[in-house]
């Protein structure tokens, strides 16, 4: 997970309609309004802010495809809070939304977890939009672990994490305290906090984020052998992102 936008004051989650859970499981998807220069800024230094923003749109939509293929509710936790109409125009009114609330990423994640537990969810995961080809099976494994009352963490190759999961009984808010967010210390420090708290932790396989041009190239190489028709029809292959890269590979220098 990476630091999210905080340029606008966030809405209190109580001002958003509570979900009526259709499942005991929920996935919180942290999303930013995809304005050029405000998302994927490191990638934008290499490919340009507009291309980076378009890629971020693709990444987010592919993550949502994967999340919504699971037997779990999806809650889009967005920032800035003032952009709710923009987010709904982009991602659709049929989805559920919650404004991020808090002074930093940790507080915003903690608030989203607490909101989910308050409305009745028993197993909650949080994901971002940095890994468009995150395997569906990893999230399935995460829910299996939550079923066994284990906390769950999925390490990113850059030292952060791509998912974190709790139940109401094993929720550990200490992991959202002062941490060096968006640095390679986030995962090891989070794991240390969980273990020091006596939590039973299930560690998922590592998976890469896409933050830089080199990350984007490695992502493209992982999938370029796939037939384009398969890319366009398989959720697990992150269809929008790969199709966009197929169409813009030369301009993106990959």
C-alpha atoms as a PDB file:
ATOM      1  CA  UNK A   1       0.000   0.000   0.000  1.00  0.00           C
ATOM      2  CA  UNK A   2       1.191   3.492  -0.854  1.00  0.00           C
ATOM      3  CA  UNK A   3       0.391   6.883   0.592  1.00  0.00           C
ATOM      4  CA  UNK A   4      -2.863   8.289  -0.828  1.00  0.00           C
ATOM      5  CA  UNK A   5      -3.969  11.799  -1.620  1.00  0.00           C
ATOM      6  CA  UNK A   6      -4.755  14.013   1.332  1.00  0.00           C
ATOM      7  CA  UNK A   7      -5.054  17.424  -0.284  1.00  0.00           C
ATOM      8  CA  UNK A   8      -8.755  17.717   0.514  1.00  0.00           C
ATOM      9  CA  UNK A   9     -10.355  17.183   3.930  1.00  0.00           C
ATOM     10  CA  UNK A  10     -11.727  13.669   4.142  1.00  0.00           C
ATOM     11  CA  UNK A  11     -15.341  12.994   4.945  1.00  0.00           C
ATOM     12  CA  UNK A  12     -16.194  11.246   8.155  1.00  0.00           C
ATOM     13  CA  UNK A  13     -17.175   7.684   7.162  1.00  0.00           C
ATOM     14  CA  UNK A  14     -20.403   8.098   9.120  1.00  0.00           C
ATOM     15  CA  UNK A  15     -21.477  10.631   6.462  1.00  0.00           C
ATOM     16  CA  UNK A  16     -21.444   7.877   3.834  1.00  0.00           C
ATOM     17  CA  UNK A  17     -24.323   5.389   3.758  1.00  0.00           C
ATOM     18  CA  UNK A  18     -23.537   2.191   5.614  1.00  0.00           C
ATOM     19  CA  UNK A  19     -23.341  -0.923   3.528  1.00  0.00           C
ATOM     20  CA  UNK A  20     -25.868  -3.672   3.992  1.00  0.00           C
ATOM     21  CA  UNK A  21     -23.441  -6.576   3.833  1.00  0.00           C
ATOM     22  CA  UNK A  22     -24.315  -9.257   1.314  1.00  0.00           C
ATOM     23  CA  UNK A  23     -21.406 -11.313   2.590  1.00  0.00           C
ATOM     24  CA  UNK A  24     -19.370 -11.714   5.745  1.00  0.00           C
ATOM     25  CA  UNK A  25     -16.333 -10.834   3.633  1.00  0.00           C
ATOM     26  CA  UNK A  26     -15.264  -7.438   2.356  1.00  0.00           C
ATOM     27  CA  UNK A  27     -12.339  -6.138   0.299  1.00  0.00           C
ATOM     28  CA  UNK A  28     -11.420  -2.492   0.781  1.00  0.00           C
ATOM     29  CA  UNK A  29      -9.912  -1.083  -2.423  1.00  0.00           C
ATOM     30  CA  UNK A  30      -7.976   2.137  -1.830  1.00  0.00           C
ATOM     31  CA  UNK A  31      -8.286   4.426  -4.846  1.00  0.00           C
ATOM     32  CA  UNK A  32      -7.207   7.962  -5.749  1.00  0.00           C
ATOM     33  CA  UNK A  33      -8.829  10.304  -8.236  1.00  0.00           C
ATOM     34  CA  UNK A  34      -6.642   9.711 -11.318  1.00  0.00           C
ATOM     35  CA  UNK A  35      -5.527  13.252 -12.053  1.00  0.00           C
ATOM     36  CA  UNK A  36      -2.248  13.621 -13.979  1.00  0.00           C
ATOM     37  CA  UNK A  37       0.571  14.491 -11.632  1.00  0.00           C
ATOM     38  CA  UNK A  38      -1.248  13.139  -8.558  1.00  0.00           C
ATOM     39  CA  UNK A  39      -1.103   9.391  -9.189  1.00  0.00           C
ATOM     40  CA  UNK A  40       1.830   7.178 -10.156  1.00  0.00           C
ATOM     41  CA  UNK A  41       4.189  10.142  -9.883  1.00  0.00           C
ATOM     42  CA  UNK A  42       7.384   8.067  -9.988  1.00  0.00           C
ATOM     43  CA  UNK A  43       6.185   6.337 -13.133  1.00  0.00           C
ATOM     44  CA  UNK A  44       5.129   9.717 -14.502  1.00  0.00           C
ATOM     45  CA  UNK A  45       8.731  10.932 -14.325  1.00  0.00           C
ATOM     46  CA  UNK A  46       9.528   8.406 -17.066  1.00  0.00           C
ATOM     47  CA  UNK A  47       6.364   8.124 -19.163  1.00  0.00           C
ATOM     48  CA  UNK A  48       4.709  11.480 -18.518  1.00  0.00           C
ATOM     49  CA  UNK A  49       1.963  12.346 -16.069  1.00  0.00           C
ATOM     50  CA  UNK A  50      -0.899  11.792 -18.522  1.00  0.00           C
ATOM     51  CA  UNK A  51       0.266   8.332 -19.508  1.00  0.00           C
ATOM     52  CA  UNK A  52       0.848   7.464 -15.850  1.00  0.00           C
ATOM     53  CA  UNK A  53      -2.676   8.587 -14.952  1.00  0.00           C
ATOM     54  CA  UNK A  54      -4.150   6.508 -17.758  1.00  0.00           C
ATOM     55  CA  UNK A  55      -2.170   3.495 -16.613  1.00  0.00           C
ATOM     56  CA  UNK A  56      -3.426   4.057 -13.078  1.00  0.00           C
ATOM     57  CA  UNK A  57      -6.987   3.947 -14.399  1.00  0.00           C
ATOM     58  CA  UNK A  58      -6.249   0.619 -16.073  1.00  0.00           C
ATOM     59  CA  UNK A  59      -4.550  -0.788 -12.973  1.00  0.00           C
ATOM     60  CA  UNK A  60      -7.495   0.164 -10.779  1.00  0.00           C
ATOM     61  CA  UNK A  61     -10.098  -1.292 -13.113  1.00  0.00           C
ATOM     62  CA  UNK A  62      -8.165  -4.559 -13.379  1.00  0.00           C
ATOM     63  CA  UNK A  63      -7.838  -4.815  -9.602  1.00  0.00           C
ATOM     64  CA  UNK A  64     -11.586  -4.241  -9.274  1.00  0.00           C
ATOM     65  CA  UNK A  65     -12.239  -6.993 -11.824  1.00  0.00           C
ATOM     66  CA  UNK A  66     -10.199  -9.420  -9.738  1.00  0.00           C
ATOM     67  CA  UNK A  67     -11.769  -8.337  -6.447  1.00  0.00           C
ATOM     68  CA  UNK A  68     -15.300  -8.533  -7.795  1.00  0.00           C
ATOM     69  CA  UNK A  69     -14.729 -12.057  -9.101  1.00  0.00           C
ATOM     70  CA  UNK A  70     -14.482 -13.256  -5.492  1.00  0.00           C
ATOM     71  CA  UNK A  71     -17.313 -14.103  -3.132  1.00  0.00           C
ATOM     72  CA  UNK A  72     -16.893 -10.898  -1.137  1.00  0.00           C
ATOM     73  CA  UNK A  73     -18.308  -7.383  -1.095  1.00  0.00           C
ATOM     74  CA  UNK A  74     -16.147  -4.592  -2.479  1.00  0.00           C
ATOM     75  CA  UNK A  75     -15.876  -1.149  -0.914  1.00  0.00           C
ATOM     76  CA  UNK A  76     -13.990   1.562  -2.795  1.00  0.00           C
ATOM     77  CA  UNK A  77     -12.187   3.797  -0.302  1.00  0.00           C
ATOM     78  CA  UNK A  78     -11.439   6.951  -2.224  1.00  0.00           C
ATOM     79  CA  UNK A  79      -9.502  10.197  -1.936  1.00  0.00           C
ATOM     80  CA  UNK A  80      -9.785  13.116  -2.093  1.00  0.00           C
ATOM     81  CA  UNK A  81     -13.186  13.074  -0.430  1.00  0.00           C
ATOM     82  CA  UNK A  82     -14.503  15.951  -2.559  1.00  0.00           C
ATOM     83  CA  UNK A  83     -14.141  13.826  -5.703  1.00  0.00           C
ATOM     84  CA  UNK A  84     -16.950  11.366  -4.974  1.00  0.00           C
ATOM     85  CA  UNK A  85     -18.911  12.423  -8.080  1.00  0.00           C
ATOM     86  CA  UNK A  86     -15.814  12.071 -10.250  1.00  0.00           C
ATOM     87  CA  UNK A  87     -15.081   8.608  -8.846  1.00  0.00           C
ATOM     88  CA  UNK A  88     -18.656   7.437  -9.412  1.00  0.00           C
ATOM     89  CA  UNK A  89     -18.648   8.779 -12.972  1.00  0.00           C
ATOM     90  CA  UNK A  90     -15.441   6.822 -13.605  1.00  0.00           C
ATOM     91  CA  UNK A  91     -16.158   3.563 -11.770  1.00  0.00           C
ATOM     92  CA  UNK A  92     -19.956   3.513 -11.710  1.00  0.00           C
ATOM     93  CA  UNK A  93     -22.846   4.233  -9.356  1.00  0.00           C
ATOM     94  CA  UNK A  94     -23.454   0.518  -8.853  1.00  0.00           C
ATOM     95  CA  UNK A  95     -20.413   0.231  -6.592  1.00  0.00           C
ATOM     96  CA  UNK A  96     -20.116   1.101  -2.899  1.00  0.00           C
ATOM     97  CA  UNK A  97     -17.927   4.027  -1.851  1.00  0.00           C
ATOM     98  CA  UNK A  98     -16.379   5.311   1.365  1.00  0.00           C
ATOM     99  CA  UNK A  99     -14.329   8.498   1.663  1.00  0.00           C
ATOM    100  CA  UNK A 100     -10.929   7.972   3.236  1.00  0.00           C
ATOM    101  CA  UNK A 101     -10.683   9.652   6.635  1.00  0.00           C
ATOM    102  CA  UNK A 102      -7.482  10.365   8.541  1.00  0.00           C
ATOM    103  CA  UNK A 103      -4.304  12.411   8.597  1.00  0.00           C
ATOM    104  CA  UNK A 104      -2.074   9.750   7.031  1.00  0.00           C
ATOM    105  CA  UNK A 105      -2.339   6.442   5.217  1.00  0.00           C
ATOM    106  CA  UNK A 106      -2.224   4.394   8.408  1.00  0.00           C
ATOM    107  CA  UNK A 107      -5.090   6.274  10.033  1.00  0.00           C
ATOM    108  CA  UNK A 108      -7.151   6.078   6.852  1.00  0.00           C
ATOM    109  CA  UNK A 109      -6.687   2.314   6.609  1.00  0.00           C
ATOM    110  CA  UNK A 110      -7.520   1.827  10.293  1.00  0.00           C
ATOM    111  CA  UNK A 111     -10.693   3.906   9.903  1.00  0.00           C
ATOM    112  CA  UNK A 112     -11.786   1.850   6.883  1.00  0.00           C
ATOM    113  CA  UNK A 113     -11.274  -1.412   8.780  1.00  0.00           C
ATOM    114  CA  UNK A 114     -13.240  -0.146  11.779  1.00  0.00           C
ATOM    115  CA  UNK A 115     -16.079   0.997   9.523  1.00  0.00           C
ATOM    116  CA  UNK A 116     -16.238  -2.431   7.881  1.00  0.00           C
ATOM    117  CA  UNK A 117     -16.372  -4.244  11.202  1.00  0.00           C
ATOM    118  CA  UNK A 118     -18.993  -1.817  12.505  1.00  0.00           C
ATOM    119  CA  UNK A 119     -21.378  -2.561   9.646  1.00  0.00           C
ATOM    120  CA  UNK A 120     -21.052  -6.302  10.196  1.00  0.00           C
ATOM    121  CA  UNK A 121     -18.186  -7.733   8.144  1.00  0.00           C
ATOM    122  CA  UNK A 122     -16.261 -10.598   9.747  1.00  0.00           C
ATOM    123  CA  UNK A 123     -13.328 -10.949   7.324  1.00  0.00           C
ATOM    124  CA  UNK A 124     -11.788  -7.844   5.747  1.00  0.00           C
ATOM    125  CA  UNK A 125      -8.883  -7.379   3.331  1.00  0.00           C
ATOM    126  CA  UNK A 126      -7.399  -4.143   2.066  1.00  0.00           C
ATOM    127  CA  UNK A 127      -5.711  -3.739  -1.333  1.00  0.00           C
ATOM    128  CA  UNK A 128      -4.394  -0.901  -3.453  1.00  0.00           C
ATOM    129  CA  UNK A 129      -4.063  -0.363  -7.193  1.00  0.00           C
ATOM    130  CA  UNK A 130      -0.335  -0.990  -7.630  1.00  0.00           C
ATOM    131  CA  UNK A 131      -0.547  -4.659  -8.694  1.00  0.00           C
ATOM    132  CA  UNK A 132      -2.995  -5.049 -11.606  1.00  0.00           C
ATOM    133  CA  UNK A 133      -2.092  -8.712 -12.104  1.00  0.00           C
ATOM    134  CA  UNK A 134      -2.312  -9.717  -8.457  1.00  0.00           C
ATOM    135  CA  UNK A 135      -3.336 -13.375  -8.572  1.00  0.00           C
ATOM    136  CA  UNK A 136      -6.900 -14.044  -7.546  1.00  0.00           C
ATOM    137  CA  UNK A 137      -5.689 -17.165  -5.752  1.00  0.00           C
ATOM    138  CA  UNK A 138      -3.645 -15.048  -3.324  1.00  0.00           C
ATOM    139  CA  UNK A 139      -6.789 -13.266  -2.161  1.00  0.00           C
ATOM    140  CA  UNK A 140      -8.583 -16.602  -1.885  1.00  0.00           C
ATOM    141  CA  UNK A 141      -5.743 -17.864   0.304  1.00  0.00           C
ATOM    142  CA  UNK A 142      -6.060 -14.715   2.393  1.00  0.00           C
ATOM    143  CA  UNK A 143      -9.731 -15.337   3.097  1.00  0.00           C
ATOM    144  CA  UNK A 144      -8.987 -18.968   3.942  1.00  0.00           C
ATOM    145  CA  UNK A 145      -6.515 -17.741   6.557  1.00  0.00           C
ATOM    146  CA  UNK A 146      -8.987 -15.206   7.946  1.00  0.00           C
ATOM    147  CA  UNK A 147     -11.481 -18.055   8.282  1.00  0.00           C
ATOM    148  CA  UNK A 148      -8.936 -19.644  10.635  1.00  0.00           C
ATOM    149  CA  UNK A 149      -8.660 -16.382  12.629  1.00  0.00           C
ATOM    150  CA  UNK A 150      -5.194 -15.614  11.307  1.00  0.00           C
ATOM    151  CA  UNK A 151      -4.134 -12.109  10.394  1.00  0.00           C
ATOM    152  CA  UNK A 152      -2.951 -11.904   6.787  1.00  0.00           C
ATOM    153  CA  UNK A 153      -0.229  -9.932   5.049  1.00  0.00           C
ATOM    154  CA  UNK A 154       0.995 -10.093   1.458  1.00  0.00           C
ATOM    155  CA  UNK A 155       4.479  -8.610   1.000  1.00  0.00           C
ATOM    156  CA  UNK A 156       5.300  -6.516  -2.027  1.00  0.00           C
ATOM    157  CA  UNK A 157       8.730  -6.924  -3.565  1.00  0.00           C
ATOM    158  CA  UNK A 158       9.513  -3.275  -2.795  1.00  0.00           C
ATOM    159  CA  UNK A 159       9.186  -3.725   0.968  1.00  0.00           C
ATOM    160  CA  UNK A 160       5.562  -2.710   1.379  1.00  0.00           C
ATOM    161  CA  UNK A 161       2.518  -4.939   1.279  1.00  0.00           C
ATOM    162  CA  UNK A 162      -0.188  -5.511  -1.328  1.00  0.00           C
ATOM    163  CA  UNK A 163      -2.811  -6.728   1.117  1.00  0.00           C
ATOM    164  CA  UNK A 164      -3.473  -6.830   4.822  1.00  0.00           C
ATOM    165  CA  UNK A 165      -6.375  -8.633   6.475  1.00  0.00           C
ATOM    166  CA  UNK A 166      -8.095  -8.949   9.840  1.00  0.00           C
ATOM    167  CA  UNK A 167     -11.194 -10.186  11.572  1.00  0.00           C
ATOM    168  CA  UNK A 168     -12.846  -8.171  14.366  1.00  0.00           C
ATOM    169  CA  UNK A 169     -11.238 -10.417  16.988  1.00  0.00           C
ATOM    170  CA  UNK A 170      -7.654 -10.225  15.686  1.00  0.00           C
ATOM    171  CA  UNK A 171      -7.677  -6.610  14.471  1.00  0.00           C
ATOM    172  CA  UNK A 172      -4.361  -4.994  15.405  1.00  0.00           C
ATOM    173  CA  UNK A 173      -4.615  -1.188  15.109  1.00  0.00           C
ATOM    174  CA  UNK A 174      -0.980  -0.797  16.198  1.00  0.00           C
ATOM    175  CA  UNK A 175       0.121  -1.637  12.647  1.00  0.00           C
ATOM    176  CA  UNK A 176      -1.422   1.644  11.497  1.00  0.00           C
ATOM    177  CA  UNK A 177       0.562   3.801  13.894  1.00  0.00           C
ATOM    178  CA  UNK A 178       3.571   5.945  12.962  1.00  0.00           C
ATOM    179  CA  UNK A 179       5.386   4.051  10.219  1.00  0.00           C
ATOM    180  CA  UNK A 180       7.639   5.218   7.371  1.00  0.00           C
ATOM    181  CA  UNK A 181       4.871   4.808   4.794  1.00  0.00           C
ATOM    182  CA  UNK A 182       5.939   4.246   1.168  1.00  0.00           C
ATOM    183  CA  UNK A 183       9.376   2.947   2.183  1.00  0.00           C
ATOM    184  CA  UNK A 184      10.926  -0.564   2.183  1.00  0.00           C
ATOM    185  CA  UNK A 185      10.561  -0.672   5.975  1.00  0.00           C
ATOM    186  CA  UNK A 186       6.755  -0.915   5.955  1.00  0.00           C
ATOM    187  CA  UNK A 187       6.410  -4.688   5.554  1.00  0.00           C
ATOM    188  CA  UNK A 188       9.109  -5.781   8.029  1.00  0.00           C
ATOM    189  CA  UNK A 189       7.937  -3.273  10.642  1.00  0.00           C
ATOM    190  CA  UNK A 190       4.286  -4.286  10.192  1.00  0.00           C
ATOM    191  CA  UNK A 191       5.156  -7.969  10.527  1.00  0.00           C
ATOM    192  CA  UNK A 192       7.210  -7.245  13.630  1.00  0.00           C
ATOM    193  CA  UNK A 193       4.305  -5.361  15.230  1.00  0.00           C
ATOM    194  CA  UNK A 194       1.927  -8.233  14.489  1.00  0.00           C
ATOM    195  CA  UNK A 195       4.263 -10.827  15.964  1.00  0.00           C
ATOM    196  CA  UNK A 196       5.013  -8.712  19.037  1.00  0.00           C
ATOM    197  CA  UNK A 197       1.247  -8.438  19.581  1.00  0.00           C
ATOM    198  CA  UNK A 198       1.045 -12.228  19.627  1.00  0.00           C
ATOM    199  CA  UNK A 199      -0.941 -12.463  16.406  1.00  0.00           C
ATOM    200  CA  UNK A 200      -1.064 -15.627  14.347  1.00  0.00           C
ATOM    201  CA  UNK A 201      -0.002 -14.373  10.924  1.00  0.00           C
ATOM    202  CA  UNK A 202      -0.407 -15.977   7.525  1.00  0.00           C
ATOM    203  CA  UNK A 203       2.178 -14.604   5.082  1.00  0.00           C
ATOM    204  CA  UNK A 204       1.146 -14.754   1.436  1.00  0.00           C
ATOM    205  CA  UNK A 205       3.640 -15.119  -1.431  1.00  0.00           C
ATOM    206  CA  UNK A 206       5.353 -11.874  -2.473  1.00  0.00           C
ATOM    207  CA  UNK A 207       4.136  -9.988  -5.535  1.00  0.00           C
ATOM    208  CA  UNK A 208       5.527  -6.931  -7.352  1.00  0.00           C
ATOM    209  CA  UNK A 209       4.067  -3.436  -7.429  1.00  0.00           C
ATOM    210  CA  UNK A 210       4.316  -1.153 -10.454  1.00  0.00           C
ATOM    211  CA  UNK A 211       5.861   2.142  -9.400  1.00  0.00           C
ATOM    212  CA  UNK A 212       8.624   2.765 -11.941  1.00  0.00           C
ATOM    213  CA  UNK A 213       9.301   2.308 -15.637  1.00  0.00           C
ATOM    214  CA  UNK A 214      11.415  -0.756 -14.868  1.00  0.00           C
ATOM    215  CA  UNK A 215       8.508  -2.233 -12.871  1.00  0.00           C
ATOM    216  CA  UNK A 216       6.266  -1.600 -15.875  1.00  0.00           C
ATOM    217  CA  UNK A 217       8.719  -3.335 -18.195  1.00  0.00           C
ATOM    218  CA  UNK A 218       8.952  -6.369 -15.922  1.00  0.00           C
ATOM    219  CA  UNK A 219       5.164  -6.539 -15.726  1.00  0.00           C
ATOM    220  CA  UNK A 220       4.923  -6.404 -19.525  1.00  0.00           C
ATOM    221  CA  UNK A 221       7.570  -9.122 -19.888  1.00  0.00           C
ATOM    222  CA  UNK A 222       5.656 -11.394 -17.515  1.00  0.00           C
ATOM    223  CA  UNK A 223       2.685 -11.343 -19.851  1.00  0.00           C
ATOM    224  CA  UNK A 224       3.777 -10.424 -23.361  1.00  0.00           C
ATOM    225  CA  UNK A 225       3.797 -14.048 -24.480  1.00  0.00           C
ATOM    226  CA  UNK A 226       0.075 -14.272 -23.779  1.00  0.00           C
ATOM    227  CA  UNK A 227      -2.240 -14.214 -26.756  1.00  0.00           C
ATOM    228  CA  UNK A 228      -4.017 -10.819 -26.933  1.00  0.00           C
ATOM    229  CA  UNK A 229      -7.446 -12.512 -27.151  1.00  0.00           C
ATOM    230  CA  UNK A 230      -6.694 -14.346 -23.920  1.00  0.00           C
ATOM    231  CA  UNK A 231      -5.522 -11.086 -22.343  1.00  0.00           C
ATOM    232  CA  UNK A 232      -8.803  -9.407 -23.253  1.00  0.00           C
ATOM    233  CA  UNK A 233     -11.001 -12.152 -21.807  1.00  0.00           C
ATOM    234  CA  UNK A 234      -9.178 -13.347 -18.671  1.00  0.00           C
ATOM    235  CA  UNK A 235      -9.601 -11.481 -15.391  1.00  0.00           C
ATOM    236  CA  UNK A 236      -6.393 -12.972 -14.052  1.00  0.00           C
ATOM    237  CA  UNK A 237      -4.357 -11.472 -16.873  1.00  0.00           C
ATOM    238  CA  UNK A 238      -5.158  -7.840 -16.091  1.00  0.00           C
ATOM    239  CA  UNK A 239      -6.785  -7.223 -19.479  1.00  0.00           C
ATOM    240  CA  UNK A 240      -7.100  -3.430 -19.563  1.00  0.00           C
ATOM    241  CA  UNK A 241      -3.542  -2.760 -18.454  1.00  0.00           C
ATOM    242  CA  UNK A 242      -1.987  -5.212 -20.870  1.00  0.00           C
ATOM    243  CA  UNK A 243      -4.154  -4.145 -23.770  1.00  0.00           C
ATOM    244  CA  UNK A 244      -3.165  -0.521 -23.103  1.00  0.00           C
ATOM    245  CA  UNK A 245       0.508  -1.489 -23.063  1.00  0.00           C
ATOM    246  CA  UNK A 246       0.120  -3.448 -26.290  1.00  0.00           C
ATOM    247  CA  UNK A 247      -1.303  -0.327 -27.910  1.00  0.00           C
ATOM    248  CA  UNK A 248       1.218   2.150 -26.453  1.00  0.00           C
ATOM    249  CA  UNK A 249       4.400   0.111 -26.005  1.00  0.00           C
ATOM    250  CA  UNK A 250       6.440   2.255 -28.374  1.00  0.00           C
ATOM    251  CA  UNK A 251       5.418   5.551 -26.780  1.00  0.00           C
ATOM    252  CA  UNK A 252       6.079   4.150 -23.316  1.00  0.00           C
ATOM    253  CA  UNK A 253       9.555   2.870 -24.271  1.00  0.00           C
ATOM    254  CA  UNK A 254       8.919  -0.632 -23.000  1.00  0.00           C
END
